[in-house]
Amino acid sequence: MTARGVRTGEDAEDLDVEEVLALVKEGNGHTPGSDHGGGSGSRDGGGPPGGRVPPPGHGGPAHDGARTPGPASPGGEHAGHAAGTAGHGAPQHPDAAHQATSWPVAREIAARAARAAGRRATVSLPLDSCLGLVLAAPLTALTDLPSFDTSAMDGWAVAGPGPWDVRDEGALAGHAQPEPLTDGEAVRIATGARIPQDTTAVLRSEHGRTDAKGRLHAAREVGHGQDIRPRGQECRSGDQLLPVGTLVTPAVLGLAAAAGYDSLTAVPRPRAEVFVLGDELLTEGLPHDGLIRDALGPMLPPWLRALGAEVTAVRRIGDDAKALYKAVTKSEADLIVTTGGTAAGPVDHVHPTLRRIGAELLVNGVKVRPGHPMLLARTKENQHLVGLPGNPLAAVSGLLTLAEPLLRTLAARPAPEPYVLPLREAVHGHPYDTRLVPVVLRGDHAVLLHYNGPAMLRGIAAADALAVVPPGGARPDQEAELLDLPWAAAGIGVCFT
């Protein structure tokens, strides 16, 4: 990947309207913690961070404008977007910025919500279905490894001191136990073949030569047991090879197969359904007549799979409150992901649907840009809903803020070790909220990318990670926490299974 269009400063066009206004306000004497500022103009407004979904007019989402179907300018709500949300024009509830949940706390709430759902039933699956899962039972050797003495090299099995008379037949891998050797005798042997009884050592092919009479001579001294893998060298039957909680990688699959396993006991993948909202969305062709292409429908399922989920359905709901209610109440997924509709406009039906079913709202807005109007709700005892904003990069922010820790915890995966890198250049921050900005990794620095507005995907498509920029911004060479993208990080996340 190359850092196309590396940023050298913060362009106003790379921010959405509320972020530009916030930066302007900062320059006009507004300080963090004042009653007005950081959350102003948010698409979803505030609302309490937890509790039952409040009714309209009682601390719920601020009415900051209804969704306006149709294309908008670059960086606007609908540019390249998948299921738009509310506009930017109307004022926000003055307390909304304080009612939203901080970014690190929102991530912890999501992980805690998954833990509160209780233990999930384990499954026994064939090896080829276990990649990326977590072991729910220890991997214990069912046999010695190797299960018999084997040759570590191609060459000759020899007995006693040389030179040796070479038998006509050889010893091949997968064949029956060869006849025992007597002193002064040798037999051709392949890597992995069973060692004949009374063998002293294996003489490598490159270390032996035969004379005119067909006798074998060693070109160097042969040590006792040389190039023989004795039975049980790696493990004995009953040894624990890997503990509960181990992530099943390709190497783990290989070890399990070598140790005698046909299937593994593992924590199953969390099941996820994606509900795409918005009547303005096209599934093919070019935008026309106020209609725009759906970017999230194609993007979210593979992203969720990369985060460890099994995507059981992608449903296009449109702007139909009854259809959304029916889809949510009938879903048996562990996680429902909705796109757009989290604001308070006339066709934004997520909050009313959550109120109607009596869902418990755990996170209602997060102090992060992009993606402020994301939400997390418990819809059933063992089911949660993550409401993503409609703007594509804002939706990515919601995935990594709320869906990733929830899915990771449901799958019993360990949390990744946080890591930081210095930023090559300064980056403007929101005065009150965390910013997530696409970056590429170049040597020992993170380099910011252009096209990182909430409605843009060019930046994230070229990125290796998202940099976590604290409120107020970061200086050149200041260290920033990085969130790896699953396919850019080394490890199992690259597998879209």
Protein backbone atom coordinates (compact mmCIF):
# COMPACT_ATOMS: atom_id res chain seq x y z
CA MET A 1 0.00 0.00 0.00
CA THR A 2 1.23 3.50 -0.70
CA ALA A 3 0.41 6.67 1.14
CA ARG A 4 -1.56 8.35 -1.60
CA GLY A 5 -2.09 12.00 -0.81
CA VAL A 6 -0.27 12.19 2.51
CA ARG A 7 -1.76 15.04 4.50
CA THR A 8 0.40 18.07 5.22
CA GLY A 9 -2.27 19.99 7.07
CA GLU A 10 -5.91 19.76 8.02
CA ASP A 11 -8.18 20.71 5.11
CA ALA A 12 -11.60 21.94 6.04
CA GLU A 13 -13.11 19.76 3.31
CA ASP A 14 -11.85 16.66 5.15
CA LEU A 15 -14.10 17.44 8.13
CA ASP A 16 -17.84 17.38 8.30
CA VAL A 17 -19.74 20.55 9.14
CA GLU A 18 -19.98 19.96 12.89
CA GLU A 19 -16.24 19.32 13.16
CA VAL A 20 -15.36 22.48 11.23
CA LEU A 21 -17.72 24.49 13.43
CA ALA A 22 -16.19 22.97 16.54
CA LEU A 23 -12.70 23.96 15.41
CA VAL A 24 -13.90 27.49 14.67
CA LYS A 25 -15.55 27.72 18.08
CA GLU A 26 -12.33 26.58 19.68
CA GLY A 27 -10.60 29.54 18.14
CA ASN A 28 -13.29 31.89 19.44
CA GLY A 29 -12.65 31.24 23.08
CA HIS A 30 -14.74 28.12 23.74
CA THR A 31 -13.03 25.72 26.08
CA PRO A 32 -13.56 22.01 26.59
CA GLY A 33 -16.19 21.35 29.17
CA SER A 34 -18.34 24.38 28.34
CA ASP A 35 -22.05 23.86 27.82
CA HIS A 36 -21.78 24.33 24.07
CA GLY A 37 -19.27 23.10 21.57
CA GLY A 38 -17.90 19.68 20.78
CA GLY A 39 -21.19 17.90 20.19
CA SER A 40 -22.88 20.74 18.36
CA GLY A 41 -24.62 19.69 15.20
CA SER A 42 -24.17 15.95 15.89
CA ARG A 43 -26.31 13.79 13.63
CA ASP A 44 -27.80 11.86 16.49
CA GLY A 45 -27.45 14.22 19.35
CA GLY A 46 -26.99 13.00 22.85
CA GLY A 47 -29.17 11.03 25.17
CA PRO A 48 -28.16 9.19 28.30
CA PRO A 49 -25.36 6.65 27.94
CA GLY A 50 -27.46 3.87 29.43
CA GLY A 51 -30.93 2.87 30.53
CA ARG A 52 -34.13 2.33 28.62
CA VAL A 53 -34.51 4.24 25.40
CA PRO A 54 -35.97 7.62 26.38
CA PRO A 55 -39.09 8.93 24.67
CA PRO A 56 -38.78 11.94 22.36
CA GLY A 57 -38.27 15.17 24.24
CA HIS A 58 -36.90 13.50 27.38
CA GLY A 59 -33.14 13.42 26.94
CA GLY A 60 -33.30 11.37 23.73
CA PRO A 61 -31.61 12.13 20.42
CA ALA A 62 -31.55 15.79 19.56
CA HIS A 63 -33.60 16.87 16.55
CA ASP A 64 -30.82 18.10 14.31
CA GLY A 65 -32.57 17.72 11.00
CA ALA A 66 -34.26 14.97 9.07
CA ARG A 67 -32.41 12.85 6.55
CA THR A 68 -32.38 14.44 3.12
CA PRO A 69 -32.30 11.73 0.44
CA GLY A 70 -30.14 12.36 -2.56
CA PRO A 71 -26.54 13.23 -3.32
CA ALA A 72 -24.68 15.91 -1.43
CA SER A 73 -21.31 17.58 -1.70
CA PRO A 74 -18.08 15.69 -0.92
CA GLY A 75 -17.82 15.18 2.80
CA GLY A 76 -21.55 15.69 3.17
CA GLU A 77 -23.94 13.18 4.60
CA HIS A 78 -24.59 11.22 1.42
CA ALA A 79 -21.34 11.32 -0.52
CA GLY A 80 -20.65 7.69 -1.39
CA HIS A 81 -22.71 6.71 1.60
CA ALA A 82 -24.64 3.65 2.62
CA ALA A 83 -27.95 4.47 4.24
CA GLY A 84 -27.75 8.13 5.25
CA THR A 85 -28.64 9.63 8.57
CA ALA A 86 -29.68 13.11 9.65
CA GLY A 87 -28.53 16.44 8.28
CA HIS A 88 -26.58 19.23 9.94
CA GLY A 89 -28.78 22.27 10.14
CA ALA A 90 -30.70 22.38 13.42
CA PRO A 91 -29.20 23.05 16.86
CA GLN A 92 -28.36 20.22 19.22
CA HIS A 93 -29.56 19.75 22.78
CA PRO A 94 -27.07 21.78 24.88
CA ASP A 95 -26.26 18.79 27.12
CA ALA A 96 -25.83 16.30 24.29
CA ALA A 97 -22.03 16.47 24.25
CA HIS A 98 -21.95 15.55 27.93
CA GLN A 99 -24.52 12.76 27.63
CA ALA A 100 -22.51 10.89 25.01
CA THR A 101 -20.08 8.25 26.24
CA SER A 102 -16.33 8.72 25.99
CA TRP A 103 -14.62 6.56 23.37
CA PRO A 104 -12.60 4.27 25.69
CA VAL A 105 -15.56 3.82 28.05
CA ALA A 106 -17.85 2.94 25.12
CA ARG A 107 -15.46 0.17 24.06
CA GLU A 108 -15.36 -1.22 27.59
CA ILE A 109 -19.18 -1.10 27.83
CA ALA A 110 -19.40 -3.14 24.62
CA ALA A 111 -16.98 -5.77 25.93
CA ARG A 112 -18.76 -5.88 29.29
CA ALA A 113 -22.14 -6.26 27.60
CA ALA A 114 -20.89 -9.39 25.84
CA ARG A 115 -19.57 -10.82 29.12
CA ALA A 116 -22.92 -10.16 30.76
CA ALA A 117 -24.62 -12.29 28.10
CA GLY A 118 -23.12 -15.34 29.82
CA ARG A 119 -21.25 -18.37 28.56
CA ARG A 120 -22.09 -19.57 25.08
CA ALA A 121 -22.45 -23.25 24.28
CA THR A 122 -19.32 -24.72 22.76
CA VAL A 123 -19.30 -26.65 19.48
CA SER A 124 -17.35 -29.55 18.05
CA LEU A 125 -16.34 -28.82 14.46
CA PRO A 126 -14.14 -30.51 11.85
CA LEU A 127 -10.68 -29.04 11.55
CA ASP A 128 -11.41 -27.23 8.30
CA SER A 129 -14.18 -25.22 10.02
CA CYS A 130 -12.15 -24.08 13.05
CA LEU A 131 -9.83 -21.43 11.63
CA GLY A 132 -10.12 -18.24 13.67
CA LEU A 133 -12.08 -19.83 16.53
CA VAL A 134 -10.90 -20.13 20.13
CA LEU A 135 -10.28 -23.51 21.79
CA ALA A 136 -12.90 -24.34 24.42
CA ALA A 137 -10.99 -27.45 25.57
CA PRO A 138 -7.27 -28.07 25.92
CA LEU A 139 -5.49 -29.62 22.97
CA THR A 140 -4.08 -32.83 24.43
CA ALA A 141 -1.91 -35.16 22.38
CA LEU A 142 -3.76 -38.33 21.35
CA THR A 143 -0.50 -40.02 20.34
CA ASP A 144 3.24 -39.73 20.71
CA LEU A 145 4.84 -37.31 18.23
CA PRO A 146 6.47 -38.78 16.32
CA SER A 147 4.62 -42.00 16.90
CA PHE A 148 7.67 -44.10 15.93
CA ASP A 149 11.37 -43.52 15.34
CA THR A 150 11.70 -41.76 11.98
CA SER A 151 14.46 -40.53 9.71
CA ALA A 152 15.01 -36.77 9.75
CA MET A 153 16.85 -36.83 6.41
CA ASP A 154 17.13 -38.61 3.10
CA GLY A 155 20.16 -40.93 3.16
CA TRP A 156 21.03 -44.33 4.59
CA ALA A 157 20.14 -46.00 7.87
CA VAL A 158 23.39 -47.61 9.04
CA ALA A 159 24.30 -50.10 11.77
CA GLY A 160 27.69 -50.18 13.47
CA PRO A 161 30.87 -48.71 12.04
CA GLY A 162 31.42 -48.38 8.28
CA PRO A 163 31.98 -49.12 5.55
CA TRP A 164 28.58 -50.75 5.06
CA ASP A 165 27.02 -53.18 2.66
CA VAL A 166 23.87 -51.62 1.18
CA ARG A 167 20.69 -53.68 0.87
CA ASP A 168 18.90 -53.67 -2.43
CA GLU A 169 15.53 -52.60 -1.01
CA GLY A 170 15.00 -49.22 0.64
CA ALA A 171 12.84 -47.78 3.45
CA LEU A 172 10.15 -45.32 2.34
CA ALA A 173 7.78 -43.11 4.30
CA GLY A 174 4.39 -44.72 4.83
CA HIS A 175 5.68 -48.27 4.42
CA ALA A 176 5.77 -51.08 6.96
CA GLN A 177 8.56 -51.56 9.48
CA PRO A 178 11.71 -52.59 7.56
CA GLU A 179 13.78 -55.59 8.54
CA PRO A 180 16.31 -55.05 11.37
CA LEU A 181 19.88 -54.16 10.44
CA THR A 182 23.00 -56.02 11.43
CA ASP A 183 26.38 -54.40 12.05
CA GLY A 184 28.07 -53.37 8.81
CA GLU A 185 24.72 -53.13 6.99
CA ALA A 186 22.91 -50.07 5.53
CA VAL A 187 19.64 -49.41 3.77
CA ARG A 188 18.48 -46.46 1.68
CA ILE A 189 15.94 -44.40 3.69
CA ALA A 190 13.64 -41.42 2.98
CA THR A 191 12.73 -38.56 5.29
CA GLY A 192 9.87 -39.63 7.56
CA ALA A 193 10.38 -43.36 7.01
CA ARG A 194 10.43 -45.75 9.95
CA ILE A 195 13.89 -46.48 11.30
CA PRO A 196 14.88 -50.19 11.09
CA GLN A 197 15.53 -51.87 14.42
CA ASP A 198 19.20 -51.73 15.61
CA THR A 199 19.98 -48.66 13.44
CA THR A 200 22.94 -46.67 14.78
CA ALA A 201 22.37 -43.43 12.82
CA VAL A 202 21.20 -41.95 9.56
CA LEU A 203 23.93 -40.92 7.13
CA ARG A 204 22.78 -38.02 4.97
CA SER A 205 22.89 -38.46 1.21
CA GLU A 206 25.42 -35.65 0.82
CA HIS A 207 27.70 -37.20 3.45
CA GLY A 208 28.03 -40.68 1.90
CA ARG A 209 29.59 -42.22 -1.20
CA THR A 210 29.72 -45.73 -2.64
CA ASP A 211 32.84 -47.40 -4.03
CA ALA A 212 33.16 -49.61 -7.10
CA LYS A 213 32.07 -52.64 -5.08
CA GLY A 214 28.89 -50.87 -3.93
CA ARG A 215 30.06 -50.38 -0.33
CA LEU A 216 28.98 -47.23 1.48
CA HIS A 217 31.61 -44.90 3.03
CA ALA A 218 31.01 -41.88 5.28
CA ALA A 219 32.58 -38.56 4.26
CA ARG A 220 32.51 -37.42 7.90
CA GLU A 221 32.18 -38.96 11.36
CA VAL A 222 28.76 -40.45 12.13
CA GLY A 223 27.43 -39.88 15.65
CA HIS A 224 25.15 -42.31 17.45
CA GLY A 225 21.49 -41.34 16.88
CA GLN A 226 22.41 -38.76 14.25
CA ASP A 227 19.42 -37.50 12.18
CA ILE A 228 16.97 -39.86 13.90
CA ARG A 229 13.77 -38.38 15.37
CA PRO A 230 13.01 -40.68 18.30
CA ARG A 231 9.45 -41.60 19.19
CA GLY A 232 7.87 -38.99 21.49
CA GLN A 233 10.53 -36.35 20.79
CA GLU A 234 7.89 -33.59 20.46
CA CYS A 235 5.30 -34.93 22.90
CA ARG A 236 3.94 -38.02 24.60
CA SER A 237 0.33 -39.12 24.41
CA GLY A 238 -1.65 -37.18 27.03
CA ASP A 239 0.62 -34.13 27.06
CA GLN A 240 -1.22 -30.80 26.93
CA LEU A 241 -0.14 -29.05 23.77
CA LEU A 242 -2.26 -25.88 23.95
CA PRO A 243 -4.54 -24.44 26.66
CA VAL A 244 -8.16 -23.32 26.54
CA GLY A 245 -8.43 -19.88 24.95
CA THR A 246 -5.86 -20.47 22.21
CA LEU A 247 -6.75 -18.87 18.87
CA VAL A 248 -6.92 -21.51 16.14
CA THR A 249 -4.38 -20.49 13.50
CA PRO A 250 -3.24 -22.55 10.49
CA ALA A 251 -0.33 -23.83 12.61
CA VAL A 252 -2.75 -24.92 15.36
CA LEU A 253 -4.74 -26.87 12.78
CA GLY A 254 -1.57 -28.60 11.65
CA LEU A 255 -0.58 -29.48 15.22
CA ALA A 256 -4.07 -30.80 15.97
CA ALA A 257 -4.02 -33.01 12.90
CA ALA A 258 -0.54 -34.33 13.74
CA ALA A 259 -1.71 -35.05 17.29
CA GLY A 260 -4.59 -37.20 16.01
CA TYR A 261 -7.58 -34.83 15.94
CA ASP A 262 -10.34 -34.83 13.33
CA SER A 263 -12.38 -32.12 15.11
CA LEU A 264 -11.93 -29.51 17.83
CA THR A 265 -14.09 -28.17 20.66
CA ALA A 266 -14.30 -24.42 20.23
CA VAL A 267 -16.29 -21.28 21.00
CA PRO A 268 -18.59 -20.73 17.99
CA ARG A 269 -18.52 -17.61 15.89
CA PRO A 270 -21.05 -15.01 17.03
CA ARG A 271 -23.93 -14.78 14.53
CA ALA A 272 -24.54 -11.36 13.03
CA GLU A 273 -27.26 -9.93 10.82
CA VAL A 274 -26.94 -6.67 8.90
CA PHE A 275 -30.00 -4.49 8.31
CA VAL A 276 -29.40 -1.86 5.62
CA LEU A 277 -31.74 1.12 6.05
CA GLY A 278 -32.60 3.85 3.56
CA ASP A 279 -34.92 4.14 0.54
CA GLU A 280 -32.33 6.12 -1.42
CA LEU A 281 -29.92 3.22 -1.93
CA LEU A 282 -29.01 1.48 -5.18
CA THR A 283 -27.40 -1.95 -5.33
CA GLU A 284 -25.97 -1.54 -8.83
CA GLY A 285 -25.20 1.05 -11.46
CA LEU A 286 -24.44 4.75 -11.17
CA PRO A 287 -26.23 7.20 -8.85
CA HIS A 288 -29.17 8.92 -10.53
CA ASP A 289 -32.32 10.86 -9.75
CA GLY A 290 -31.41 11.44 -6.11
CA LEU A 291 -30.51 7.79 -5.56
CA ILE A 292 -27.02 6.76 -4.42
CA ARG A 293 -25.02 3.54 -4.26
CA ASP A 294 -25.04 1.50 -1.07
CA ALA A 295 -21.45 1.20 0.14
CA LEU A 296 -22.12 -0.42 3.52
CA GLY A 297 -24.09 -3.40 2.23
CA PRO A 298 -21.05 -4.77 0.36
CA MET A 299 -18.53 -3.60 2.99
CA LEU A 300 -19.99 -4.67 6.34
CA PRO A 301 -20.44 -8.46 5.92
CA PRO A 302 -16.79 -9.21 5.04
CA TRP A 303 -15.62 -6.75 7.68
CA LEU A 304 -17.75 -8.49 10.31
CA ARG A 305 -16.38 -11.87 9.16
CA ALA A 306 -12.86 -10.48 9.54
CA LEU A 307 -13.83 -9.53 13.10
CA GLY A 308 -14.83 -13.14 13.76
CA ALA A 309 -18.58 -13.13 13.13
CA GLU A 310 -20.71 -15.48 11.06
CA VAL A 311 -22.94 -13.23 8.97
CA THR A 312 -26.22 -15.08 8.65
CA ALA A 313 -28.20 -12.48 6.70
CA VAL A 314 -28.04 -9.08 5.02
CA ARG A 315 -31.50 -7.54 4.82
CA ARG A 316 -32.44 -4.37 2.98
CA ILE A 317 -35.09 -2.75 5.13
CA GLY A 318 -35.37 0.69 3.52
CA ASP A 319 -37.15 3.39 5.52
CA ASP A 320 -39.92 1.09 6.74
CA ALA A 321 -40.56 1.22 10.50
CA LYS A 322 -42.79 -1.88 10.46
CA ALA A 323 -40.24 -3.89 8.49
CA LEU A 324 -37.46 -2.86 10.88
CA TYR A 325 -39.54 -3.81 13.92
CA LYS A 326 -40.37 -7.19 12.39
CA ALA A 327 -36.76 -7.87 11.41
CA VAL A 328 -35.40 -6.98 14.86
CA THR A 329 -37.99 -8.96 16.82
CA LYS A 330 -37.62 -12.05 14.64
CA SER A 331 -33.83 -12.04 14.54
CA GLU A 332 -32.03 -14.84 16.39
CA ALA A 333 -28.56 -13.40 15.81
CA ASP A 334 -26.19 -12.59 18.64
CA LEU A 335 -25.58 -9.18 17.08
CA ILE A 336 -27.78 -7.03 14.85
CA VAL A 337 -26.00 -4.27 12.94
CA THR A 338 -28.06 -1.46 11.44
CA THR A 339 -26.82 1.21 9.03
CA GLY A 340 -28.10 4.76 9.35
CA GLY A 341 -31.38 5.84 10.88
CA THR A 342 -29.91 6.58 14.33
CA ALA A 343 -30.88 10.27 14.34
CA ALA A 344 -34.27 11.84 15.02
CA GLY A 345 -35.58 12.65 11.56
CA PRO A 346 -38.98 11.54 10.24
CA VAL A 347 -37.55 8.38 8.60
CA ASP A 348 -34.96 7.52 11.28
CA HIS A 349 -36.62 4.52 12.89
CA VAL A 350 -33.90 2.90 15.03
CA HIS A 351 -34.60 4.74 18.28
CA PRO A 352 -38.41 4.41 18.01
CA THR A 353 -38.03 0.69 17.29
CA LEU A 354 -35.78 0.22 20.32
CA ARG A 355 -38.29 2.07 22.48
CA ARG A 356 -41.14 -0.06 21.11
CA ILE A 357 -39.44 -3.34 22.01
CA GLY A 358 -38.26 -2.09 25.41
CA ALA A 359 -34.56 -2.42 24.59
CA GLU A 360 -31.93 -1.33 27.10
CA LEU A 361 -29.81 1.44 25.63
CA LEU A 362 -26.22 0.91 26.79
CA VAL A 363 -24.46 3.53 24.65
CA ASN A 364 -26.29 6.44 23.05
CA GLY A 365 -23.72 8.50 21.20
CA VAL A 366 -19.95 8.33 21.61
CA LYS A 367 -17.49 11.19 21.92
CA VAL A 368 -15.65 10.20 18.76
CA ARG A 369 -15.39 11.67 15.28
CA PRO A 370 -16.45 10.41 12.87
CA GLY A 371 -19.25 8.24 14.17
CA HIS A 372 -20.63 10.27 17.07
CA PRO A 373 -24.28 9.06 16.68
CA MET A 374 -23.49 5.34 17.03
CA LEU A 375 -25.40 3.34 19.63
CA LEU A 376 -25.41 0.01 21.44
CA ALA A 377 -28.55 -1.60 22.86
CA ARG A 378 -29.45 -4.89 24.51
CA THR A 379 -32.51 -6.12 22.62
CA LYS A 380 -32.80 -9.53 24.31
CA GLU A 381 -30.99 -11.30 27.11
CA ASN A 382 -28.41 -12.72 24.70
CA GLN A 383 -28.73 -10.28 21.81
CA HIS A 384 -27.37 -6.81 21.13
CA LEU A 385 -27.86 -4.21 18.43
CA VAL A 386 -25.16 -1.86 17.19
CA GLY A 387 -26.57 1.11 15.32
CA LEU A 388 -24.02 2.51 12.91
CA PRO A 389 -24.15 5.98 11.38
CA GLY A 390 -24.90 6.03 7.67
CA ASN A 391 -21.68 7.71 6.53
CA PRO A 392 -19.18 5.02 5.50
CA LEU A 393 -16.13 6.10 7.53
CA ALA A 394 -18.39 6.90 10.48
CA ALA A 395 -19.76 3.36 10.19
CA VAL A 396 -16.21 1.96 10.27
CA SER A 397 -15.62 3.98 13.42
CA GLY A 398 -18.76 2.43 14.93
CA LEU A 399 -17.64 -1.07 13.96
CA LEU A 400 -14.27 -0.70 15.66
CA THR A 401 -15.67 1.15 18.67
CA LEU A 402 -18.68 -1.02 19.55
CA ALA A 403 -18.94 -4.13 17.33
CA GLU A 404 -15.29 -5.22 17.55
CA PRO A 405 -15.04 -5.47 21.37
CA LEU A 406 -18.49 -7.07 21.59
CA LEU A 407 -17.74 -9.70 18.93
CA ARG A 408 -14.26 -10.34 20.31
CA THR A 409 -15.61 -10.99 23.78
CA LEU A 410 -18.45 -13.20 22.50
CA ALA A 411 -15.86 -15.25 20.59
CA ALA A 412 -13.61 -15.45 23.71
CA ARG A 413 -10.72 -13.90 21.81
CA PRO A 414 -8.10 -12.06 23.87
CA ALA A 415 -7.95 -8.31 23.54
CA PRO A 416 -5.12 -7.21 21.26
CA GLU A 417 -2.14 -5.63 22.96
CA PRO A 418 -2.38 -1.87 22.45
CA TYR A 419 0.50 -0.32 20.58
CA VAL A 420 1.54 3.18 19.61
CA LEU A 421 3.60 4.85 16.92
CA PRO A 422 4.61 8.50 16.55
CA LEU A 423 2.69 10.54 14.00
CA ARG A 424 4.83 11.94 11.21
CA GLU A 425 3.00 15.26 11.30
CA ALA A 426 0.57 17.22 13.43
CA VAL A 427 -3.12 16.38 13.24
CA HIS A 428 -5.94 18.65 14.32
CA GLY A 429 -8.19 17.18 16.94
CA HIS A 430 -11.78 17.76 17.89
CA PRO A 431 -11.84 20.03 20.94
CA TYR A 432 -13.83 17.54 23.04
CA ASP A 433 -13.96 14.21 21.22
CA THR A 434 -11.52 11.50 20.16
CA ARG A 435 -10.77 11.37 16.43
CA LEU A 436 -10.11 8.17 14.45
CA VAL A 437 -8.01 8.94 11.37
CA PRO A 438 -6.82 6.52 8.65
CA VAL A 439 -3.04 6.12 8.48
CA VAL A 440 -0.41 4.07 6.71
CA LEU A 441 2.61 2.69 8.56
CA ARG A 442 5.93 3.85 7.16
CA GLY A 443 8.98 2.69 9.07
CA ASP A 444 8.58 3.78 12.67
CA HIS A 445 5.90 6.40 11.98
CA ALA A 446 2.21 6.58 11.17
CA VAL A 447 1.40 8.80 8.19
CA LEU A 448 -2.03 10.41 7.96
CA LEU A 449 -4.10 9.98 4.81
CA HIS A 450 -6.28 12.44 2.95
CA TYR A 451 -9.96 11.79 2.28
CA ASN A 452 -10.81 11.01 5.88
CA GLY A 453 -14.15 12.80 6.09
CA PRO A 454 -17.10 10.84 7.55
CA ALA A 455 -18.60 10.15 4.11
CA MET A 456 -15.32 9.14 2.45
CA LEU A 457 -13.77 5.71 1.88
CA ARG A 458 -10.65 6.63 -0.14
CA GLY A 459 -8.56 7.07 2.98
CA ILE A 460 -9.61 3.90 4.78
CA ALA A 461 -9.28 1.86 1.58
CA ALA A 462 -5.56 2.68 1.48
CA ALA A 463 -5.00 2.50 5.25
CA ASP A 464 -3.15 0.06 7.47
CA ALA A 465 -4.73 1.31 10.69
CA LEU A 466 -6.74 4.05 12.37
CA ALA A 467 -4.86 6.46 14.60
CA VAL A 468 -6.59 7.40 17.86
CA VAL A 469 -6.17 11.17 18.14
CA PRO A 470 -7.07 12.58 21.57
CA PRO A 471 -9.21 15.69 22.04
CA GLY A 472 -7.20 18.75 21.10
CA GLY A 473 -5.10 16.98 18.48
CA ALA A 474 -1.53 15.70 18.34
CA ARG A 475 1.88 17.20 17.65
CA PRO A 476 4.41 15.88 15.12
CA ASP A 477 6.19 12.82 16.57
CA GLN A 478 3.59 12.50 19.31
CA GLU A 479 2.76 8.85 19.91
CA ALA A 480 -0.79 7.77 19.06
CA GLU A 481 -2.56 4.50 19.74
CA LEU A 482 -3.26 2.53 16.57
CA LEU A 483 -6.19 0.27 15.72
CA ASP A 484 -5.07 -2.30 13.17
CA LEU A 485 -7.39 -3.14 10.32
CA PRO A 486 -7.98 -6.92 10.33
CA TRP A 487 -6.47 -7.56 6.91
CA ALA A 488 -3.49 -5.24 7.48
CA ALA A 489 -2.48 -6.80 10.82
CA ALA A 490 -0.36 -9.91 10.98
CA GLY A 491 -2.42 -12.82 12.25
CA ILE A 492 -5.68 -14.64 11.81
CA GLY A 493 -7.69 -11.52 11.08
CA VAL A 494 -6.67 -11.69 7.44
CA CYS A 495 -8.92 -14.73 7.00
CA PHE A 496 -12.39 -13.76 5.72
CA THR A 497 -14.06 -16.95 6.95
